[in-house]
Structures are given as C-alpha cells and as structure tokens.
Amino acid sequence: MAYPQPTQTPVIHADEDTRSRFLVRVYQHLALAILAFIGFEALFFSIGLAEGLYDFLASSGGVAWLLILGGFAIVNMIASRSAHQLGNTGAQYGALFAMAAAEAVIFAPFLYYVFRVYDGNGTATVTSAALITLVGFAALTVVAMTTRKDLSFLRPLIMWGGIAAIGLIVAGVLFGFTLGPIFSVAMIALAGASILYQTQAIIRQYPEWAYVGAAVGLFGAVMLMFWYVLQLLMRR
C-alpha cells in the first residue's frame, strides 16, 4: 500500500507555533511510551511472566540473557524503522508500543529481583532511580534546547560507546566477570549524551510529522539511563 509522502523539511525551519506543537507532541508520546511500559510491566507481574523470566535467567545462565538482549536489539531495530515510515501513522504507533513492550520484557526479571528478592526497600530504590532519571532528563533537555553548540558530534561517540558496551556485556556474561559501578556510571553518561543528541536532533533533523519517531529515540535513551541509575543505587 502506498502512503502519502509528507514534507521532509526539518521542523527547525517551520514557524514558532509549528515547532511548539511538534515538541508538545514529542513529549506527550514519550509520556505515552513510559505509561505503556508501566502497563506492560504491571501485566507481566500479574500473569507471572516477570517471575518466570527471572527463574529462567537464574537457572539458564548468561546465554539465555544474551538471547533476550538479542531479541530486544531486533525489536529495537524494527521499531526504529517502523517509527519513521512516512505517512504510516499505524506503523509509528505500533513501533512505539513495541518498544515499550520490549523494554518491559528486558526490565521484568530485573524489577522482579528488585521488588521480590533484593534485600532492601525495592519500592524506595525504584522511586529514587525514577526521580534521578527524571531530574537528569529535564536538566539535559534544558541544556540541549538552550545551547548554541551543534551536538551532532556526539552521534559517532554514542555509536562507538554503545558497541563497546555491548562487547563488555557479552564478555562479562560469557566469561563470568561482573561489570562494576564504574561501568554503570559510564553507561549513565552514555545515556545522557544520547539524550542531549536526540533532543537537539528532533528539532534540527526531524520534520513536523515525525514526532512519534522522535519520541521512540528519546524513550530508549531515558530507559537506558533509568536501568543504570537503578543498578548504581542497588550497589550502595
């Protein structure tokens, strides 16, 4: 089926009202993705999937975890492409909810451990991690929106940092060594760089119709930061 081809002109070249509407829609859809993630997570806990995934990973070793991460990477790739299909609103929303579901699957065994196994106040720890992530995201958004510096140079650094991180994670799983708090801090910094780049890119590179795709990119960076902030807090 052929879809109409909207304009490719970045929203930075549009009038102020159009830019404002675009940004409001981006952050509305980011909030929608986060709410969908919470909804999926609640569902996974209620039907026992979170516990099942935790038990499966605990009994199967690192290879099972690599399979889950591999599946998440595939969903992420497909969702990112679908989120940018020109004129196909259904595919864009499908990508948004697919990303939320994939993130929920990845987080489910971790959050099950935090809430049900972890020797500490899991609710307080998750709440603290969420608040730190929110404050960090807000601060980075202000920086990206107000700076006059072109942050596009961050893109190759983020890509290479992501590849290096995946390599370390795979090596840690296969060879049985633990990635310590320094790795978590480095990944939080990588997520922060991604938020800076994505926030500026949605204005400079995205056309006004691509607000769902912009939200998908921001959502992935926010969840990455939340994951490693939570890990860091649990190492105290």
C-alpha atoms as a PDB file:
ATOM      1  CA  MET A   1       0.000   0.000   0.000  1.00  0.00           C
ATOM      2  CA  ALA A   2       1.413   3.434  -0.918  1.00  0.00           C
ATOM      3  CA  TYR A   3       1.297   6.167   1.691  1.00  0.00           C
ATOM      4  CA  PRO A   4       1.360   9.901   1.028  1.00  0.00           C
ATOM      5  CA  GLN A   5       4.814  11.390   1.421  1.00  0.00           C
ATOM      6  CA  PRO A   6       4.847  14.256   3.936  1.00  0.00           C
ATOM      7  CA  THR A   7       7.337  17.081   3.772  1.00  0.00           C
ATOM      8  CA  GLN A   8      10.921  16.265   4.727  1.00  0.00           C
ATOM      9  CA  THR A   9      11.709  19.809   5.887  1.00  0.00           C
ATOM     10  CA  PRO A  10      13.097  19.788   9.466  1.00  0.00           C
ATOM     11  CA  VAL A  11      10.838  21.460  11.969  1.00  0.00           C
ATOM     12  CA  ILE A  12      13.569  23.984  12.834  1.00  0.00           C
ATOM     13  CA  HIS A  13      12.672  25.746   9.571  1.00  0.00           C
ATOM     14  CA  ALA A  14       8.976  25.956  10.495  1.00  0.00           C
ATOM     15  CA  ASP A  15       7.275  28.799  12.332  1.00  0.00           C
ATOM     16  CA  GLU A  16       7.340  29.015  16.114  1.00  0.00           C
ATOM     17  CA  ASP A  17       3.800  27.673  16.596  1.00  0.00           C
ATOM     18  CA  THR A  18       4.572  24.581  14.493  1.00  0.00           C
ATOM     19  CA  ARG A  19       7.761  23.931  16.456  1.00  0.00           C
ATOM     20  CA  SER A  20       5.896  24.288  19.745  1.00  0.00           C
ATOM     21  CA  ARG A  21       3.140  21.869  18.648  1.00  0.00           C
ATOM     22  CA  PHE A  22       5.784  19.411  17.474  1.00  0.00           C
ATOM     23  CA  LEU A  23       7.648  19.467  20.808  1.00  0.00           C
ATOM     24  CA  VAL A  24       4.434  19.083  22.782  1.00  0.00           C
ATOM     25  CA  ARG A  25       3.526  16.034  20.693  1.00  0.00           C
ATOM     26  CA  VAL A  26       7.012  14.534  21.102  1.00  0.00           C
ATOM     27  CA  TYR A  27       6.896  14.726  24.894  1.00  0.00           C
ATOM     28  CA  GLN A  28       3.277  13.605  25.002  1.00  0.00           C
ATOM     29  CA  HIS A  29       4.259  10.479  23.096  1.00  0.00           C
ATOM     30  CA  LEU A  30       7.319   9.973  25.288  1.00  0.00           C
ATOM     31  CA  ALA A  31       4.990  10.046  28.294  1.00  0.00           C
ATOM     32  CA  LEU A  32       2.673   7.620  26.462  1.00  0.00           C
ATOM     33  CA  ALA A  33       5.584   5.222  25.908  1.00  0.00           C
ATOM     34  CA  ILE A  34       6.522   5.375  29.602  1.00  0.00           C
ATOM     35  CA  LEU A  35       2.912   4.751  30.659  1.00  0.00           C
ATOM     36  CA  ALA A  36       2.722   1.829  28.223  1.00  0.00           C
ATOM     37  CA  PHE A  37       5.939   0.439  29.720  1.00  0.00           C
ATOM     38  CA  ILE A  38       4.446   0.659  33.230  1.00  0.00           C
ATOM     39  CA  GLY A  39       1.254  -1.004  31.981  1.00  0.00           C
ATOM     40  CA  PHE A  40       3.138  -3.859  30.335  1.00  0.00           C
ATOM     41  CA  GLU A  41       5.265  -4.296  33.450  1.00  0.00           C
ATOM     42  CA  ALA A  42       2.184  -4.500  35.673  1.00  0.00           C
ATOM     43  CA  LEU A  43       0.714  -7.085  33.296  1.00  0.00           C
ATOM     44  CA  PHE A  44       3.898  -9.167  33.299  1.00  0.00           C
ATOM     45  CA  PHE A  45       3.946  -9.198  37.101  1.00  0.00           C
ATOM     46  CA  SER A  46       0.254 -10.077  37.366  1.00  0.00           C
ATOM     47  CA  ILE A  47       0.458 -13.058  34.981  1.00  0.00           C
ATOM     48  CA  GLY A  48       3.721 -14.352  36.452  1.00  0.00           C
ATOM     49  CA  LEU A  49       5.867 -13.617  33.403  1.00  0.00           C
ATOM     50  CA  ALA A  50       8.302 -11.473  35.405  1.00  0.00           C
ATOM     51  CA  GLU A  51       8.862 -14.282  37.894  1.00  0.00           C
ATOM     52  CA  GLY A  52       9.136 -16.834  35.090  1.00  0.00           C
ATOM     53  CA  LEU A  53      11.769 -14.785  33.262  1.00  0.00           C
ATOM     54  CA  TYR A  54      13.708 -14.284  36.494  1.00  0.00           C
ATOM     55  CA  ASP A  55      13.688 -18.016  37.262  1.00  0.00           C
ATOM     56  CA  PHE A  56      14.608 -18.851  33.666  1.00  0.00           C
ATOM     57  CA  LEU A  57      17.590 -16.498  33.671  1.00  0.00           C
ATOM     58  CA  ALA A  58      18.694 -17.623  37.132  1.00  0.00           C
ATOM     59  CA  SER A  59      18.702 -21.275  36.088  1.00  0.00           C
ATOM     60  CA  SER A  60      19.908 -20.974  32.485  1.00  0.00           C
ATOM     61  CA  GLY A  61      22.981 -18.791  32.909  1.00  0.00           C
ATOM     62  CA  GLY A  62      24.295 -15.974  30.797  1.00  0.00           C
ATOM     63  CA  VAL A  63      23.491 -17.411  27.367  1.00  0.00           C
ATOM     64  CA  ALA A  64      19.743 -17.047  27.990  1.00  0.00           C
ATOM     65  CA  TRP A  65      20.291 -13.409  28.930  1.00  0.00           C
ATOM     66  CA  LEU A  66      22.198 -12.841  25.682  1.00  0.00           C
ATOM     67  CA  LEU A  67      19.279 -14.323  23.737  1.00  0.00           C
ATOM     68  CA  ILE A  68      16.877 -11.906  25.413  1.00  0.00           C
ATOM     69  CA  LEU A  69      19.190  -8.974  24.695  1.00  0.00           C
ATOM     70  CA  GLY A  70      19.495 -10.138  21.093  1.00  0.00           C
ATOM     71  CA  GLY A  71      15.730 -10.280  20.752  1.00  0.00           C
ATOM     72  CA  PHE A  72      15.443  -6.811  22.210  1.00  0.00           C
ATOM     73  CA  ALA A  73      18.007  -5.497  19.710  1.00  0.00           C
ATOM     74  CA  ILE A  74      15.975  -6.948  16.821  1.00  0.00           C
ATOM     75  CA  VAL A  75      12.723  -5.421  18.119  1.00  0.00           C
ATOM     76  CA  ASN A  76      14.516  -2.114  18.640  1.00  0.00           C
ATOM     77  CA  MET A  77      15.798  -2.109  15.059  1.00  0.00           C
ATOM     78  CA  ILE A  78      12.405  -2.964  13.559  1.00  0.00           C
ATOM     79  CA  ALA A  79      10.595  -0.472  15.799  1.00  0.00           C
ATOM     80  CA  SER A  80      13.016   2.335  14.941  1.00  0.00           C
ATOM     81  CA  ARG A  81      12.472   1.760  11.231  1.00  0.00           C
ATOM     82  CA  SER A  82       8.699   1.496  11.571  1.00  0.00           C
ATOM     83  CA  ALA A  83       8.559   4.683  13.652  1.00  0.00           C
ATOM     84  CA  HIS A  84       9.892   6.648  10.688  1.00  0.00           C
ATOM     85  CA  GLN A  85       7.639   5.244   7.940  1.00  0.00           C
ATOM     86  CA  LEU A  86       6.408   8.239   6.026  1.00  0.00           C
ATOM     87  CA  GLY A  87       2.709   8.831   6.435  1.00  0.00           C
ATOM     88  CA  ASN A  88       2.064   5.449   8.090  1.00  0.00           C
ATOM     89  CA  THR A  89       0.676   6.510  11.453  1.00  0.00           C
ATOM     90  CA  GLY A  90      -0.295   2.952  12.391  1.00  0.00           C
ATOM     91  CA  ALA A  91       3.273   1.699  11.940  1.00  0.00           C
ATOM     92  CA  GLN A  92       4.625   4.582  14.008  1.00  0.00           C
ATOM     93  CA  TYR A  93       2.320   3.870  16.931  1.00  0.00           C
ATOM     94  CA  GLY A  94       2.957   0.154  16.571  1.00  0.00           C
ATOM     95  CA  ALA A  95       6.676   0.886  16.873  1.00  0.00           C
ATOM     96  CA  LEU A  96       6.109   2.987  19.983  1.00  0.00           C
ATOM     97  CA  PHE A  97       4.184   0.246  21.769  1.00  0.00           C
ATOM     98  CA  ALA A  98       6.553  -2.464  20.512  1.00  0.00           C
ATOM     99  CA  MET A  99       9.462  -0.567  22.066  1.00  0.00           C
ATOM    100  CA  ALA A 100       7.554  -0.183  25.326  1.00  0.00           C
ATOM    101  CA  ALA A 101       6.775  -3.912  25.379  1.00  0.00           C
ATOM    102  CA  ALA A 102      10.374  -4.875  24.546  1.00  0.00           C
ATOM    103  CA  GLU A 103      11.721  -2.621  27.302  1.00  0.00           C
ATOM    104  CA  ALA A 104       9.206  -4.135  29.718  1.00  0.00           C
ATOM    105  CA  VAL A 105      10.400  -7.660  28.868  1.00  0.00           C
ATOM    106  CA  ILE A 106      14.032  -6.671  29.466  1.00  0.00           C
ATOM    107  CA  PHE A 107      13.202  -4.907  32.742  1.00  0.00           C
ATOM    108  CA  ALA A 108      10.786  -7.576  34.050  1.00  0.00           C
ATOM    109  CA  PRO A 109      13.308 -10.012  35.597  1.00  0.00           C
ATOM    110  CA  PHE A 110      15.423  -7.128  36.920  1.00  0.00           C
ATOM    111  CA  LEU A 111      12.446  -5.421  38.545  1.00  0.00           C
ATOM    112  CA  TYR A 112      11.224  -8.763  39.908  1.00  0.00           C
ATOM    113  CA  TYR A 113      14.588  -9.127  41.621  1.00  0.00           C
ATOM    114  CA  VAL A 114      14.395  -5.565  42.965  1.00  0.00           C
ATOM    115  CA  PHE A 115      10.850  -5.917  44.328  1.00  0.00           C
ATOM    116  CA  ARG A 116      10.783  -9.566  45.429  1.00  0.00           C
ATOM    117  CA  VAL A 117      14.347 -10.792  46.008  1.00  0.00           C
ATOM    118  CA  TYR A 118      16.562  -7.780  46.729  1.00  0.00           C
ATOM    119  CA  ASP A 119      17.477  -7.386  50.404  1.00  0.00           C
ATOM    120  CA  GLY A 120      16.335  -3.801  50.726  1.00  0.00           C
ATOM    121  CA  ASN A 121      13.448  -1.434  50.095  1.00  0.00           C
ATOM    122  CA  GLY A 122      12.791  -2.128  46.429  1.00  0.00           C
ATOM    123  CA  THR A 123       9.970   0.392  46.076  1.00  0.00           C
ATOM    124  CA  ALA A 124      12.061   3.218  47.526  1.00  0.00           C
ATOM    125  CA  THR A 125      15.035   2.260  45.346  1.00  0.00           C
ATOM    126  CA  VAL A 126      12.972   2.235  42.130  1.00  0.00           C
ATOM    127  CA  THR A 127      11.291   5.509  43.085  1.00  0.00           C
ATOM    128  CA  SER A 128      14.667   7.147  43.753  1.00  0.00           C
ATOM    129  CA  ALA A 129      16.044   5.873  40.438  1.00  0.00           C
ATOM    130  CA  ALA A 130      12.982   7.196  38.585  1.00  0.00           C
ATOM    131  CA  LEU A 131      13.288  10.634  40.230  1.00  0.00           C
ATOM    132  CA  ILE A 132      17.030  10.861  39.499  1.00  0.00           C
ATOM    133  CA  THR A 133      16.378   9.875  35.891  1.00  0.00           C
ATOM    134  CA  LEU A 134      13.587  12.455  35.580  1.00  0.00           C
ATOM    135  CA  VAL A 135      15.738  15.258  37.011  1.00  0.00           C
ATOM    136  CA  GLY A 136      18.682  14.256  34.813  1.00  0.00           C
ATOM    137  CA  PHE A 137      16.488  14.096  31.727  1.00  0.00           C
ATOM    138  CA  ALA A 138      14.971  17.520  32.464  1.00  0.00           C
ATOM    139  CA  ALA A 139      18.385  19.105  33.018  1.00  0.00           C
ATOM    140  CA  LEU A 140      19.840  17.587  29.839  1.00  0.00           C
ATOM    141  CA  THR A 141      16.769  18.700  27.870  1.00  0.00           C
ATOM    142  CA  VAL A 142      17.263  22.299  29.006  1.00  0.00           C
ATOM    143  CA  VAL A 143      20.947  22.152  28.037  1.00  0.00           C
ATOM    144  CA  ALA A 144      20.178  20.707  24.604  1.00  0.00           C
ATOM    145  CA  MET A 145      17.432  23.247  23.942  1.00  0.00           C
ATOM    146  CA  THR A 146      19.379  26.308  25.060  1.00  0.00           C
ATOM    147  CA  THR A 147      22.935  25.652  23.893  1.00  0.00           C
ATOM    148  CA  ARG A 148      24.029  27.133  20.600  1.00  0.00           C
ATOM    149  CA  LYS A 149      26.615  24.399  20.109  1.00  0.00           C
ATOM    150  CA  ASP A 150      25.923  21.787  17.460  1.00  0.00           C
ATOM    151  CA  LEU A 151      25.842  18.452  19.306  1.00  0.00           C
ATOM    152  CA  SER A 152      25.884  16.250  16.196  1.00  0.00           C
ATOM    153  CA  PHE A 153      29.496  15.306  17.022  1.00  0.00           C
ATOM    154  CA  LEU A 154      28.061  13.144  19.829  1.00  0.00           C
ATOM    155  CA  ARG A 155      26.479  10.674  17.390  1.00  0.00           C
ATOM    156  CA  PRO A 156      29.653   8.689  16.495  1.00  0.00           C
ATOM    157  CA  LEU A 157      30.741   8.749  20.134  1.00  0.00           C
ATOM    158  CA  ILE A 158      27.379   7.311  21.173  1.00  0.00           C
ATOM    159  CA  MET A 159      27.545   4.631  18.476  1.00  0.00           C
ATOM    160  CA  TRP A 160      31.059   3.525  19.393  1.00  0.00           C
ATOM    161  CA  GLY A 161      30.260   3.720  23.095  1.00  0.00           C
ATOM    162  CA  GLY A 162      27.208   1.508  22.539  1.00  0.00           C
ATOM    163  CA  ILE A 163      29.253  -1.058  20.581  1.00  0.00           C
ATOM    164  CA  ALA A 164      31.935  -1.116  23.284  1.00  0.00           C
ATOM    165  CA  ALA A 165      29.290  -1.509  25.998  1.00  0.00           C
ATOM    166  CA  ILE A 166      27.654  -4.438  24.191  1.00  0.00           C
ATOM    167  CA  GLY A 167      31.074  -6.065  23.810  1.00  0.00           C
ATOM    168  CA  LEU A 168      31.778  -5.707  27.532  1.00  0.00           C
ATOM    169  CA  ILE A 169      28.334  -7.045  28.471  1.00  0.00           C
ATOM    170  CA  VAL A 170      28.743 -10.084  26.213  1.00  0.00           C
ATOM    171  CA  ALA A 171      32.258 -10.711  27.544  1.00  0.00           C
ATOM    172  CA  GLY A 172      31.033 -10.396  31.115  1.00  0.00           C
ATOM    173  CA  VAL A 173      28.257 -12.931  30.511  1.00  0.00           C
ATOM    174  CA  LEU A 174      30.459 -15.423  28.647  1.00  0.00           C
ATOM    175  CA  PHE A 175      33.497 -15.211  30.937  1.00  0.00           C
ATOM    176  CA  GLY A 176      31.697 -14.660  34.215  1.00  0.00           C
ATOM    177  CA  PHE A 177      33.086 -11.328  35.378  1.00  0.00           C
ATOM    178  CA  THR A 178      30.997  -8.541  36.877  1.00  0.00           C
ATOM    179  CA  LEU A 179      30.853  -5.044  35.450  1.00  0.00           C
ATOM    180  CA  GLY A 180      31.214  -2.747  38.442  1.00  0.00           C
ATOM    181  CA  PRO A 181      29.878   0.679  39.382  1.00  0.00           C
ATOM    182  CA  ILE A 182      32.328   2.468  37.063  1.00  0.00           C
ATOM    183  CA  PHE A 183      30.632   0.745  34.121  1.00  0.00           C
ATOM    184  CA  SER A 184      27.217   1.872  35.398  1.00  0.00           C
ATOM    185  CA  VAL A 185      28.445   5.468  35.691  1.00  0.00           C
ATOM    186  CA  ALA A 186      29.885   5.273  32.167  1.00  0.00           C
ATOM    187  CA  MET A 187      26.563   3.969  30.817  1.00  0.00           C
ATOM    188  CA  ILE A 188      24.650   6.751  32.582  1.00  0.00           C
ATOM    189  CA  ALA A 189      26.993   9.224  30.892  1.00  0.00           C
ATOM    190  CA  LEU A 190      26.388   7.481  27.546  1.00  0.00           C
ATOM    191  CA  ALA A 191      22.626   7.682  28.063  1.00  0.00           C
ATOM    192  CA  GLY A 192      22.983  11.368  28.948  1.00  0.00           C
ATOM    193  CA  ALA A 193      24.943  12.004  25.757  1.00  0.00           C
ATOM    194  CA  SER A 194      22.229  10.208  23.796  1.00  0.00           C
ATOM    195  CA  ILE A 195      19.529  12.386  25.398  1.00  0.00           C
ATOM    196  CA  LEU A 196      21.490  15.520  24.505  1.00  0.00           C
ATOM    197  CA  TYR A 197      21.957  14.396  20.903  1.00  0.00           C
ATOM    198  CA  GLN A 198      18.391  13.126  20.433  1.00  0.00           C
ATOM    199  CA  THR A 199      16.847  16.248  21.969  1.00  0.00           C
ATOM    200  CA  GLN A 200      18.721  18.559  19.637  1.00  0.00           C
ATOM    201  CA  ALA A 201      18.243  16.227  16.660  1.00  0.00           C
ATOM    202  CA  ILE A 202      14.448  16.232  16.964  1.00  0.00           C
ATOM    203  CA  ILE A 203      14.497  19.962  16.249  1.00  0.00           C
ATOM    204  CA  ARG A 204      17.291  20.109  13.671  1.00  0.00           C
ATOM    205  CA  GLN A 205      16.630  16.890  11.745  1.00  0.00           C
ATOM    206  CA  TYR A 206      13.022  15.730  12.211  1.00  0.00           C
ATOM    207  CA  PRO A 207      10.098  17.025  10.126  1.00  0.00           C
ATOM    208  CA  GLU A 208       6.936  18.028  11.949  1.00  0.00           C
ATOM    209  CA  TRP A 209       5.131  14.739  11.193  1.00  0.00           C
ATOM    210  CA  ALA A 210       7.872  12.573  12.819  1.00  0.00           C
ATOM    211  CA  TYR A 211       7.020  13.260  16.449  1.00  0.00           C
ATOM    212  CA  VAL A 212       6.380   9.555  17.169  1.00  0.00           C
ATOM    213  CA  GLY A 213       9.789   8.573  15.787  1.00  0.00           C
ATOM    214  CA  ALA A 214      11.400  11.332  17.857  1.00  0.00           C
ATOM    215  CA  ALA A 215       9.657  10.023  20.978  1.00  0.00           C
ATOM    216  CA  VAL A 216      10.916   6.478  20.285  1.00  0.00           C
ATOM    217  CA  GLY A 217      14.523   7.697  20.185  1.00  0.00           C
ATOM    218  CA  LEU A 218      14.164   9.639  23.431  1.00  0.00           C
ATOM    219  CA  PHE A 219      12.363   6.757  25.131  1.00  0.00           C
ATOM    220  CA  GLY A 220      15.252   4.359  24.501  1.00  0.00           C
ATOM    221  CA  ALA A 221      17.766   6.822  25.969  1.00  0.00           C
ATOM    222  CA  VAL A 222      15.610   7.513  29.039  1.00  0.00           C
ATOM    223  CA  MET A 223      15.164   3.807  29.772  1.00  0.00           C
ATOM    224  CA  LEU A 224      18.902   3.186  29.381  1.00  0.00           C
ATOM    225  CA  MET A 225      19.613   5.883  31.958  1.00  0.00           C
ATOM    226  CA  PHE A 226      16.946   4.529  34.323  1.00  0.00           C
ATOM    227  CA  TRP A 227      18.392   0.986  34.081  1.00  0.00           C
ATOM    228  CA  TYR A 228      21.894   2.016  35.099  1.00  0.00           C
ATOM    229  CA  VAL A 229      20.812   4.554  37.721  1.00  0.00           C
ATOM    230  CA  LEU A 230      18.823   1.742  39.334  1.00  0.00           C
ATOM    231  CA  GLN A 231      21.808  -0.600  39.138  1.00  0.00           C
ATOM    232  CA  LEU A 232      24.049   2.030  40.685  1.00  0.00           C
ATOM    233  CA  LEU A 233      21.662   2.658  43.587  1.00  0.00           C
ATOM    234  CA  MET A 234      21.468  -1.065  44.297  1.00  0.00           C
ATOM    235  CA  ARG A 235      25.269  -1.218  44.634  1.00  0.00           C
ATOM    236  CA  ARG A 236      25.253   1.065  47.656  1.00  0.00           C
END
